[in-house]
Amino acid sequence: MTFLDMSNNSIKGELQPEISNLACIETLDLSFNKFTQELPLEFFFLKTLRVVLLNNNNFDGKASSVPCPLSPPSSSLSLSHCP
């Protein structure tokens, strides 16, 4: 699987470390849910990730203090509207 769209599902809680089991994922859309807490460290080891949509969630933490999981070229990260 290279594309996973779980947007607009009202998923609540923390994004689990098992997200790293998606070893071949290129596009991940988790936008418009109710995820909270910080992104798990395991998320940043997804080497094939190119497009990440995390906007409109309730993630916490400093975005500047985490490594960017995206590998150029054609990389995109959306964290808009995450208080």
Protein backbone atom coordinates (compact mmCIF):
# COMPACT_ATOMS: atom_id res chain seq x y z
CA MET A 1 0.00 0.00 0.00
CA THR A 2 1.40 3.38 -0.98
CA PHE A 3 -1.64 5.61 -0.30
CA LEU A 4 -3.77 5.70 2.85
CA ASP A 5 -6.65 8.14 3.28
CA MET A 6 -8.25 8.11 6.73
CA SER A 7 -9.43 11.71 6.61
CA ASN A 8 -12.78 12.91 7.96
CA ASN A 9 -13.38 9.94 10.26
CA SER A 10 -13.49 11.73 13.65
CA ILE A 11 -10.73 9.41 14.91
CA LYS A 12 -9.87 10.38 18.50
CA GLY A 13 -6.77 9.82 20.61
CA GLU A 14 -3.08 9.42 19.95
CA LEU A 15 -1.51 8.32 16.70
CA GLN A 16 -0.01 4.96 17.64
CA PRO A 17 3.66 3.96 17.16
CA GLU A 18 2.52 1.10 14.94
CA ILE A 19 2.13 3.70 12.19
CA SER A 20 5.73 2.79 11.38
CA ASN A 21 4.49 -0.60 10.13
CA LEU A 22 3.38 1.20 6.97
CA ALA A 23 6.88 0.82 5.57
CA CYS A 24 6.01 1.54 1.90
CA ILE A 25 3.54 4.38 2.43
CA GLU A 26 4.07 7.42 0.19
CA THR A 27 0.91 9.44 0.87
CA LEU A 28 -0.79 9.57 4.27
CA ASP A 29 -3.93 11.64 4.83
CA LEU A 30 -5.08 11.80 8.46
CA SER A 31 -6.64 15.25 8.18
CA PHE A 32 -9.92 16.33 9.77
CA ASN A 33 -9.81 13.90 12.69
CA LYS A 34 -9.35 14.43 16.41
CA PHE A 35 -5.84 13.11 16.97
CA THR A 36 -4.12 14.51 20.07
CA GLN A 37 -0.72 14.46 21.75
CA GLU A 38 2.58 14.55 19.88
CA LEU A 39 3.38 12.56 16.78
CA PRO A 40 5.09 9.31 17.81
CA LEU A 41 8.83 9.18 17.13
CA GLU A 42 8.27 6.10 14.95
CA PHE A 43 6.37 8.29 12.49
CA PHE A 44 9.62 9.98 11.55
CA PHE A 45 11.22 6.73 10.37
CA LEU A 46 8.84 6.31 7.42
CA LYS A 47 11.45 6.69 4.67
CA THR A 48 9.11 6.50 1.66
CA LEU A 49 6.68 9.17 2.90
CA ARG A 50 6.24 12.03 0.40
CA VAL A 51 2.88 13.63 1.23
CA VAL A 52 1.50 13.99 4.77
CA LEU A 53 -1.79 15.69 5.55
CA LEU A 54 -2.30 16.17 9.29
CA ASN A 55 -4.28 19.40 9.21
CA ASN A 56 -7.36 19.99 11.35
CA ASN A 57 -6.38 17.77 14.27
CA ASN A 58 -5.39 18.54 17.86
CA PHE A 59 -1.73 17.52 17.83
CA ASP A 60 0.43 18.99 20.57
CA GLY A 61 4.13 19.75 20.80
CA LYS A 62 6.63 21.87 18.91
CA ALA A 63 6.74 21.19 15.20
CA SER A 64 10.23 22.67 15.01
CA SER A 65 11.63 20.12 17.48
CA VAL A 66 10.87 17.04 15.39
CA PRO A 67 12.72 15.77 12.34
CA CYS A 68 10.86 16.07 9.06
CA PRO A 69 9.86 12.61 7.79
CA LEU A 70 9.61 13.71 4.19
CA SER A 71 12.22 12.98 1.57
CA PRO A 72 12.59 15.28 -1.42
CA PRO A 73 11.67 15.65 -4.21
CA SER A 74 7.95 16.43 -4.29
CA SER A 75 7.47 16.42 -0.53
CA SER A 76 4.52 18.06 1.20
CA LEU A 77 3.54 18.43 4.86
CA SER A 78 0.31 20.07 6.04
CA LEU A 79 -0.20 20.85 9.74
CA SER A 80 -2.59 23.77 9.36
CA HIS A 81 -5.34 24.32 11.90
CA CYS A 82 -3.69 22.16 14.56
CA PRO A 83 -3.86 24.30 17.72
